[in-house]
Amino acid sequence: MIDLFTDLQQQLNKLSIRKMQFQVNHIIFDFDEELTHDEKIDILDDNIGFWEANDEDDLIDEITTASGWCIKSIDYHHILN
């Protein structure tokens, strides 16, 4: 007999991954030469600050997806709760 409660609890545990808090201090994006200096500054300003992600790799993916640019270098701190 299958214990439906145990199976349900396992599925809920998989879905309820708690996101961590990160403070991004500095990013270097792989910008192309077609952007103006002001456009680059706007993109940087939009992505510096606080982010939620599952882990460090997810942080990179989140910022890349949000900005539309690949990250060459990043400086961040994990904020402990």
PDB file of N, CA and C in Angstrom:
ATOM      1  N   MET A   1       0.845  -1.180   0.000  1.00  0.00           N
ATOM      2  CA  MET A   1       0.000   0.000   0.000  1.00  0.00           C
ATOM      3  C   MET A   1       0.891   1.244   0.000  1.00  0.00           C
ATOM      4  N   ILE A   2       0.547   2.220  -0.813  1.00  0.00           N
ATOM      5  CA  ILE A   2       1.297   3.455  -0.939  1.00  0.00           C
ATOM      6  C   ILE A   2       0.809   4.451   0.109  1.00  0.00           C
ATOM      7  N   ASP A   3       1.744   5.020   0.823  1.00  0.00           N
ATOM      8  CA  ASP A   3       1.399   6.050   1.807  1.00  0.00           C
ATOM      9  C   ASP A   3       1.334   7.388   1.078  1.00  0.00           C
ATOM     10  N   LEU A   4       0.124   7.848   0.793  1.00  0.00           N
ATOM     11  CA  LEU A   4      -0.066   9.074   0.028  1.00  0.00           C
ATOM     12  C   LEU A   4       0.459  10.300   0.753  1.00  0.00           C
ATOM     13  N   PHE A   5       0.356  10.301   2.081  1.00  0.00           N
ATOM     14  CA  PHE A   5       0.845  11.455   2.837  1.00  0.00           C
ATOM     15  C   PHE A   5       2.356  11.594   2.701  1.00  0.00           C
ATOM     16  N   THR A   6       3.083  10.494   2.807  1.00  0.00           N
ATOM     17  CA  THR A   6       4.540  10.531   2.684  1.00  0.00           C
ATOM     18  C   THR A   6       4.942  10.997   1.296  1.00  0.00           C
ATOM     19  N   ASP A   7       4.289  10.475   0.273  1.00  0.00           N
ATOM     20  CA  ASP A   7       4.593  10.877  -1.096  1.00  0.00           C
ATOM     21  C   ASP A   7       4.295  12.361  -1.306  1.00  0.00           C
ATOM     22  N   LEU A   8       3.173  12.818  -0.789  1.00  0.00           N
ATOM     23  CA  LEU A   8       2.796  14.226  -0.907  1.00  0.00           C
ATOM     24  C   LEU A   8       3.818  15.102  -0.187  1.00  0.00           C
ATOM     25  N   GLN A   9       4.246  14.704   0.997  1.00  0.00           N
ATOM     26  CA  GLN A   9       5.224  15.477   1.756  1.00  0.00           C
ATOM     27  C   GLN A   9       6.558  15.553   1.015  1.00  0.00           C
ATOM     28  N   GLN A  10       6.978  14.475   0.384  1.00  0.00           N
ATOM     29  CA  GLN A  10       8.220  14.482  -0.386  1.00  0.00           C
ATOM     30  C   GLN A  10       8.116  15.445  -1.566  1.00  0.00           C
ATOM     31  N   GLN A  11       6.989  15.458  -2.238  1.00  0.00           N
ATOM     32  CA  GLN A  11       6.791  16.371  -3.365  1.00  0.00           C
ATOM     33  C   GLN A  11       6.784  17.826  -2.901  1.00  0.00           C
ATOM     34  N   LEU A  12       6.142  18.095  -1.774  1.00  0.00           N
ATOM     35  CA  LEU A  12       6.116  19.454  -1.240  1.00  0.00           C
ATOM     36  C   LEU A  12       7.511  19.912  -0.830  1.00  0.00           C
ATOM     37  N   ASN A  13       8.299  19.020  -0.262  1.00  0.00           N
ATOM     38  CA  ASN A  13       9.665  19.365   0.120  1.00  0.00           C
ATOM     39  C   ASN A  13      10.489  19.761  -1.098  1.00  0.00           C
ATOM     40  N   LYS A  14      10.293  19.092  -2.215  1.00  0.00           N
ATOM     41  CA  LYS A  14      11.014  19.428  -3.437  1.00  0.00           C
ATOM     42  C   LYS A  14      10.626  20.815  -3.950  1.00  0.00           C
ATOM     43  N   LEU A  15       9.363  21.184  -3.788  1.00  0.00           N
ATOM     44  CA  LEU A  15       8.875  22.462  -4.290  1.00  0.00           C
ATOM     45  C   LEU A  15       9.193  23.634  -3.368  1.00  0.00           C
ATOM     46  N   SER A  16       9.445  23.343  -2.113  1.00  0.00           N
ATOM     47  CA  SER A  16       9.593  24.428  -1.146  1.00  0.00           C
ATOM     48  C   SER A  16      11.057  24.720  -0.827  1.00  0.00           C
ATOM     49  N   ILE A  17      11.865  24.767  -1.857  1.00  0.00           N
ATOM     50  CA  ILE A  17      13.259  25.132  -1.663  1.00  0.00           C
ATOM     51  C   ILE A  17      13.300  26.589  -1.244  1.00  0.00           C
ATOM     52  N   ARG A  18      13.909  26.829  -0.112  1.00  0.00           N
ATOM     53  CA  ARG A  18      13.976  28.192   0.402  1.00  0.00           C
ATOM     54  C   ARG A  18      15.074  28.960  -0.318  1.00  0.00           C
ATOM     55  N   LYS A  19      14.714  30.102  -0.848  1.00  0.00           N
ATOM     56  CA  LYS A  19      15.692  30.911  -1.570  1.00  0.00           C
ATOM     57  C   LYS A  19      16.568  31.663  -0.580  1.00  0.00           C
ATOM     58  N   MET A  20      17.817  31.845  -0.967  1.00  0.00           N
ATOM     59  CA  MET A  20      18.767  32.579  -0.149  1.00  0.00           C
ATOM     60  C   MET A  20      18.820  34.028  -0.619  1.00  0.00           C
ATOM     61  N   GLN A  21      19.258  34.883   0.257  1.00  0.00           N
ATOM     62  CA  GLN A  21      19.400  36.294  -0.051  1.00  0.00           C
ATOM     63  C   GLN A  21      20.859  36.591  -0.409  1.00  0.00           C
ATOM     64  N   PHE A  22      21.054  37.365  -1.470  1.00  0.00           N
ATOM     65  CA  PHE A  22      22.385  37.775  -1.901  1.00  0.00           C
ATOM     66  C   PHE A  22      22.402  39.289  -2.079  1.00  0.00           C
ATOM     67  N   GLN A  23      23.519  39.893  -1.746  1.00  0.00           N
ATOM     68  CA  GLN A  23      23.734  41.307  -2.035  1.00  0.00           C
ATOM     69  C   GLN A  23      24.812  41.399  -3.093  1.00  0.00           C
ATOM     70  N   VAL A  24      24.434  41.863  -4.281  1.00  0.00           N
ATOM     71  CA  VAL A  24      25.364  42.001  -5.403  1.00  0.00           C
ATOM     72  C   VAL A  24      25.968  43.399  -5.331  1.00  0.00           C
ATOM     73  N   ASN A  25      27.302  43.462  -5.249  1.00  0.00           N
ATOM     74  CA  ASN A  25      28.011  44.731  -5.100  1.00  0.00           C
ATOM     75  C   ASN A  25      28.598  45.249  -6.406  1.00  0.00           C
ATOM     76  N   HIS A  26      28.999  44.333  -7.275  1.00  0.00           N
ATOM     77  CA  HIS A  26      29.676  44.744  -8.511  1.00  0.00           C
ATOM     78  C   HIS A  26      29.504  43.648  -9.558  1.00  0.00           C
ATOM     79  N   ILE A  27      29.252  44.045 -10.793  1.00  0.00           N
ATOM     80  CA  ILE A  27      29.121  43.086 -11.907  1.00  0.00           C
ATOM     81  C   ILE A  27      29.866  43.645 -13.110  1.00  0.00           C
ATOM     82  N   ILE A  28      30.519  42.754 -13.830  1.00  0.00           N
ATOM     83  CA  ILE A  28      31.050  43.097 -15.147  1.00  0.00           C
ATOM     84  C   ILE A  28      30.321  42.206 -16.140  1.00  0.00           C
ATOM     85  N   PHE A  29      29.549  42.838 -17.026  1.00  0.00           N
ATOM     86  CA  PHE A  29      28.825  42.105 -18.058  1.00  0.00           C
ATOM     87  C   PHE A  29      29.670  42.026 -19.325  1.00  0.00           C
ATOM     88  N   ASP A  30      29.335  41.076 -20.163  1.00  0.00           N
ATOM     89  CA  ASP A  30      29.993  40.920 -21.462  1.00  0.00           C
ATOM     90  C   ASP A  30      29.204  41.744 -22.484  1.00  0.00           C
ATOM     91  N   PHE A  31      29.288  43.081 -22.346  1.00  0.00           N
ATOM     92  CA  PHE A  31      28.560  43.982 -23.233  1.00  0.00           C
ATOM     93  C   PHE A  31      29.180  43.983 -24.624  1.00  0.00           C
ATOM     94  N   ASP A  32      28.328  44.241 -25.623  1.00  0.00           N
ATOM     95  CA  ASP A  32      28.877  44.461 -26.961  1.00  0.00           C
ATOM     96  C   ASP A  32      29.148  45.962 -27.118  1.00  0.00           C
ATOM     97  N   GLU A  33      29.822  46.292 -28.163  1.00  0.00           N
ATOM     98  CA  GLU A  33      30.263  47.675 -28.364  1.00  0.00           C
ATOM     99  C   GLU A  33      29.144  48.607 -28.832  1.00  0.00           C
ATOM    100  N   GLU A  34      27.974  48.064 -29.152  1.00  0.00           N
ATOM    101  CA  GLU A  34      26.888  48.897 -29.664  1.00  0.00           C
ATOM    102  C   GLU A  34      26.177  49.703 -28.573  1.00  0.00           C
ATOM    103  N   LEU A  35      26.370  49.350 -27.317  1.00  0.00           N
ATOM    104  CA  LEU A  35      25.717  50.073 -26.226  1.00  0.00           C
ATOM    105  C   LEU A  35      26.480  51.343 -25.898  1.00  0.00           C
ATOM    106  N   THR A  36      25.727  52.370 -25.543  1.00  0.00           N
ATOM    107  CA  THR A  36      26.375  53.597 -25.092  1.00  0.00           C
ATOM    108  C   THR A  36      26.809  53.433 -23.634  1.00  0.00           C
ATOM    109  N   HIS A  37      27.642  54.338 -23.190  1.00  0.00           N
ATOM    110  CA  HIS A  37      28.098  54.318 -21.795  1.00  0.00           C
ATOM    111  C   HIS A  37      26.904  54.430 -20.848  1.00  0.00           C
ATOM    112  N   ASP A  38      25.974  55.310 -21.157  1.00  0.00           N
ATOM    113  CA  ASP A  38      24.793  55.492 -20.308  1.00  0.00           C
ATOM    114  C   ASP A  38      23.916  54.242 -20.257  1.00  0.00           C
ATOM    115  N   GLU A  39      23.775  53.546 -21.380  1.00  0.00           N
ATOM    116  CA  GLU A  39      22.997  52.293 -21.402  1.00  0.00           C
ATOM    117  C   GLU A  39      23.666  51.240 -20.518  1.00  0.00           C
ATOM    118  N   LYS A  40      24.978  51.159 -20.585  1.00  0.00           N
ATOM    119  CA  LYS A  40      25.713  50.195 -19.746  1.00  0.00           C
ATOM    120  C   LYS A  40      25.526  50.520 -18.268  1.00  0.00           C
ATOM    121  N   ILE A  41      25.613  51.783 -17.923  1.00  0.00           N
ATOM    122  CA  ILE A  41      25.431  52.209 -16.530  1.00  0.00           C
ATOM    123  C   ILE A  41      24.024  51.873 -16.040  1.00  0.00           C
ATOM    124  N   ASP A  42      23.017  52.099 -16.871  1.00  0.00           N
ATOM    125  CA  ASP A  42      21.635  51.776 -16.501  1.00  0.00           C
ATOM    126  C   ASP A  42      21.473  50.280 -16.225  1.00  0.00           C
ATOM    127  N   ILE A  43      22.055  49.440 -17.063  1.00  0.00           N
ATOM    128  CA  ILE A  43      21.963  47.990 -16.869  1.00  0.00           C
ATOM    129  C   ILE A  43      22.674  47.585 -15.589  1.00  0.00           C
ATOM    130  N   LEU A  44      23.834  48.137 -15.354  1.00  0.00           N
ATOM    131  CA  LEU A  44      24.564  47.839 -14.111  1.00  0.00           C
ATOM    132  C   LEU A  44      23.755  48.266 -12.898  1.00  0.00           C
ATOM    133  N   ASP A  45      23.225  49.486 -12.918  1.00  0.00           N
ATOM    134  CA  ASP A  45      22.439  49.987 -11.786  1.00  0.00           C
ATOM    135  C   ASP A  45      21.205  49.128 -11.513  1.00  0.00           C
ATOM    136  N   ASP A  46      20.589  48.623 -12.579  1.00  0.00           N
ATOM    137  CA  ASP A  46      19.392  47.785 -12.430  1.00  0.00           C
ATOM    138  C   ASP A  46      19.696  46.443 -11.774  1.00  0.00           C
ATOM    139  N   ASN A  47      20.949  45.997 -11.814  1.00  0.00           N
ATOM    140  CA  ASN A  47      21.277  44.651 -11.345  1.00  0.00           C
ATOM    141  C   ASN A  47      22.151  44.616 -10.098  1.00  0.00           C
ATOM    142  N   ILE A  48      22.574  45.768  -9.620  1.00  0.00           N
ATOM    143  CA  ILE A  48      23.298  45.855  -8.355  1.00  0.00           C
ATOM    144  C   ILE A  48      22.262  45.934  -7.247  1.00  0.00           C
ATOM    145  N   GLY A  49      22.475  45.186  -6.175  1.00  0.00           N
ATOM    146  CA  GLY A  49      21.537  45.234  -5.053  1.00  0.00           C
ATOM    147  C   GLY A  49      21.208  43.845  -4.555  1.00  0.00           C
ATOM    148  N   PHE A  50      20.001  43.687  -4.065  1.00  0.00           N
ATOM    149  CA  PHE A  50      19.593  42.448  -3.414  1.00  0.00           C
ATOM    150  C   PHE A  50      18.844  41.529  -4.372  1.00  0.00           C
ATOM    151  N   TRP A  51      19.196  40.246  -4.300  1.00  0.00           N
ATOM    152  CA  TRP A  51      18.599  39.211  -5.139  1.00  0.00           C
ATOM    153  C   TRP A  51      18.259  38.000  -4.277  1.00  0.00           C
ATOM    154  N   GLU A  52      17.264  37.245  -4.704  1.00  0.00           N
ATOM    155  CA  GLU A  52      16.937  35.950  -4.107  1.00  0.00           C
ATOM    156  C   GLU A  52      17.242  34.874  -5.125  1.00  0.00           C
ATOM    157  N   ALA A  53      17.909  33.811  -4.665  1.00  0.00           N
ATOM    158  CA  ALA A  53      18.238  32.697  -5.554  1.00  0.00           C
ATOM    159  C   ALA A  53      18.425  31.435  -4.710  1.00  0.00           C
ATOM    160  N   ASN A  54      18.343  30.286  -5.362  1.00  0.00           N
ATOM    161  CA  ASN A  54      18.512  29.013  -4.665  1.00  0.00           C
ATOM    162  C   ASN A  54      19.953  28.779  -4.229  1.00  0.00           C
ATOM    163  N   ASP A  55      20.903  29.238  -5.039  1.00  0.00           N
ATOM    164  CA  ASP A  55      22.325  29.091  -4.747  1.00  0.00           C
ATOM    165  C   ASP A  55      23.103  30.052  -5.640  1.00  0.00           C
ATOM    166  N   GLU A  56      24.422  29.961  -5.597  1.00  0.00           N
ATOM    167  CA  GLU A  56      25.252  30.883  -6.370  1.00  0.00           C
ATOM    168  C   GLU A  56      25.041  30.739  -7.876  1.00  0.00           C
ATOM    169  N   ASP A  57      24.922  29.509  -8.347  1.00  0.00           N
ATOM    170  CA  ASP A  57      24.687  29.288  -9.780  1.00  0.00           C
ATOM    171  C   ASP A  57      23.339  29.861 -10.210  1.00  0.00           C
ATOM    172  N   ASP A  58      22.337  29.690  -9.364  1.00  0.00           N
ATOM    173  CA  ASP A  58      21.017  30.233  -9.668  1.00  0.00           C
ATOM    174  C   ASP A  58      21.050  31.762  -9.672  1.00  0.00           C
ATOM    175  N   LEU A  59      21.867  32.352  -8.796  1.00  0.00           N
ATOM    176  CA  LEU A  59      22.024  33.810  -8.791  1.00  0.00           C
ATOM    177  C   LEU A  59      22.523  34.297 -10.148  1.00  0.00           C
ATOM    178  N   ILE A  60      23.543  33.642 -10.673  1.00  0.00           N
ATOM    179  CA  ILE A  60      24.089  34.004 -11.984  1.00  0.00           C
ATOM    180  C   ILE A  60      23.010  33.870 -13.058  1.00  0.00           C
ATOM    181  N   ASP A  61      22.279  32.760 -13.020  1.00  0.00           N
ATOM    182  CA  ASP A  61      21.207  32.538 -14.004  1.00  0.00           C
ATOM    183  C   ASP A  61      20.114  33.602 -13.898  1.00  0.00           C
ATOM    184  N   GLU A  62      19.727  33.947 -12.668  1.00  0.00           N
ATOM    185  CA  GLU A  62      18.684  34.951 -12.459  1.00  0.00           C
ATOM    186  C   GLU A  62      19.099  36.307 -13.036  1.00  0.00           C
ATOM    187  N   ILE A  63      20.334  36.718 -12.748  1.00  0.00           N
ATOM    188  CA  ILE A  63      20.799  38.022 -13.225  1.00  0.00           C
ATOM    189  C   ILE A  63      20.968  38.019 -14.741  1.00  0.00           C
ATOM    190  N   THR A  64      21.496  36.932 -15.283  1.00  0.00           N
ATOM    191  CA  THR A  64      21.665  36.822 -16.732  1.00  0.00           C
ATOM    192  C   THR A  64      20.314  36.903 -17.432  1.00  0.00           C
ATOM    193  N   THR A  65      19.334  36.199 -16.898  1.00  0.00           N
ATOM    194  CA  THR A  65      17.992  36.212 -17.485  1.00  0.00           C
ATOM    195  C   THR A  65      17.360  37.598 -17.380  1.00  0.00           C
ATOM    196  N   ALA A  66      17.485  38.222 -16.220  1.00  0.00           N
ATOM    197  CA  ALA A  66      16.864  39.539 -16.010  1.00  0.00           C
ATOM    198  C   ALA A  66      17.521  40.628 -16.857  1.00  0.00           C
ATOM    199  N   SER A  67      18.837  40.559 -16.992  1.00  0.00           N
ATOM    200  CA  SER A  67      19.558  41.626 -17.702  1.00  0.00           C
ATOM    201  C   SER A  67      19.635  41.380 -19.204  1.00  0.00           C
ATOM    202  N   GLY A  68      19.675  40.106 -19.597  1.00  0.00           N
ATOM    203  CA  GLY A  68      19.864  39.769 -20.997  1.00  0.00           C
ATOM    204  C   GLY A  68      21.326  39.737 -21.416  1.00  0.00           C
ATOM    205  N   TRP A  69      22.236  39.825 -20.441  1.00  0.00           N
ATOM    206  CA  TRP A  69      23.671  39.840 -20.728  1.00  0.00           C
ATOM    207  C   TRP A  69      24.391  38.780 -19.913  1.00  0.00           C
ATOM    208  N   CYS A  70      25.423  38.182 -20.498  1.00  0.00           N
ATOM    209  CA  CYS A  70      26.262  37.225 -19.785  1.00  0.00           C
ATOM    210  C   CYS A  70      27.149  37.981 -18.790  1.00  0.00           C
ATOM    211  N   ILE A  71      27.449  37.330 -17.699  1.00  0.00           N
ATOM    212  CA  ILE A  71      28.269  37.928 -16.651  1.00  0.00           C
ATOM    213  C   ILE A  71      29.707  37.453 -16.807  1.00  0.00           C
ATOM    214  N   LYS A  72      30.635  38.395 -16.849  1.00  0.00           N
ATOM    215  CA  LYS A  72      32.062  38.063 -16.898  1.00  0.00           C
ATOM    216  C   LYS A  72      32.634  37.932 -15.488  1.00  0.00           C
ATOM    217  N   SER A  73      32.142  38.772 -14.573  1.00  0.00           N
ATOM    218  CA  SER A  73      32.641  38.780 -13.204  1.00  0.00           C
ATOM    219  C   SER A  73      31.554  39.335 -12.297  1.00  0.00           C
ATOM    220  N   ILE A  74      31.510  38.823 -11.064  1.00  0.00           N
ATOM    221  CA  ILE A  74      30.502  39.304 -10.118  1.00  0.00           C
ATOM    222  C   ILE A  74      31.075  39.259  -8.713  1.00  0.00           C
ATOM    223  N   ASP A  75      30.727  40.280  -7.920  1.00  0.00           N
ATOM    224  CA  ASP A  75      31.096  40.329  -6.507  1.00  0.00           C
ATOM    225  C   ASP A  75      29.799  40.398  -5.716  1.00  0.00           C
ATOM    226  N   TYR A  76      29.604  39.445  -4.818  1.00  0.00           N
ATOM    227  CA  TYR A  76      28.364  39.393  -4.032  1.00  0.00           C
ATOM    228  C   TYR A  76      28.665  38.807  -2.667  1.00  0.00           C
ATOM    229  N   HIS A  77      27.705  38.999  -1.768  1.00  0.00           N
ATOM    230  CA  HIS A  77      27.755  38.401  -0.433  1.00  0.00           C
ATOM    231  C   HIS A  77      26.466  37.652  -0.188  1.00  0.00           C
ATOM    232  N   HIS A  78      26.580  36.485   0.406  1.00  0.00           N
ATOM    233  CA  HIS A  78      25.401  35.729   0.842  1.00  0.00           C
ATOM    234  C   HIS A  78      24.966  36.318   2.173  1.00  0.00           C
ATOM    235  N   ILE A  79      23.712  36.702   2.269  1.00  0.00           N
ATOM    236  CA  ILE A  79      23.186  37.287   3.502  1.00  0.00           C
ATOM    237  C   ILE A  79      22.578  36.174   4.337  1.00  0.00           C
ATOM    238  N   LEU A  80      23.130  35.970   5.510  1.00  0.00           N
ATOM    239  CA  LEU A  80      22.633  34.927   6.401  1.00  0.00           C
ATOM    240  C   LEU A  80      21.407  35.435   7.128  1.00  0.00           C
ATOM    241  N   ASN A  81      20.401  34.591   7.215  1.00  0.00           N
ATOM    242  CA  ASN A  81      19.159  34.969   7.915  1.00  0.00           C
ATOM    243  C   ASN A  81      19.235  34.596   9.366  1.00  0.00           C
TER     244      ASN A  81
END
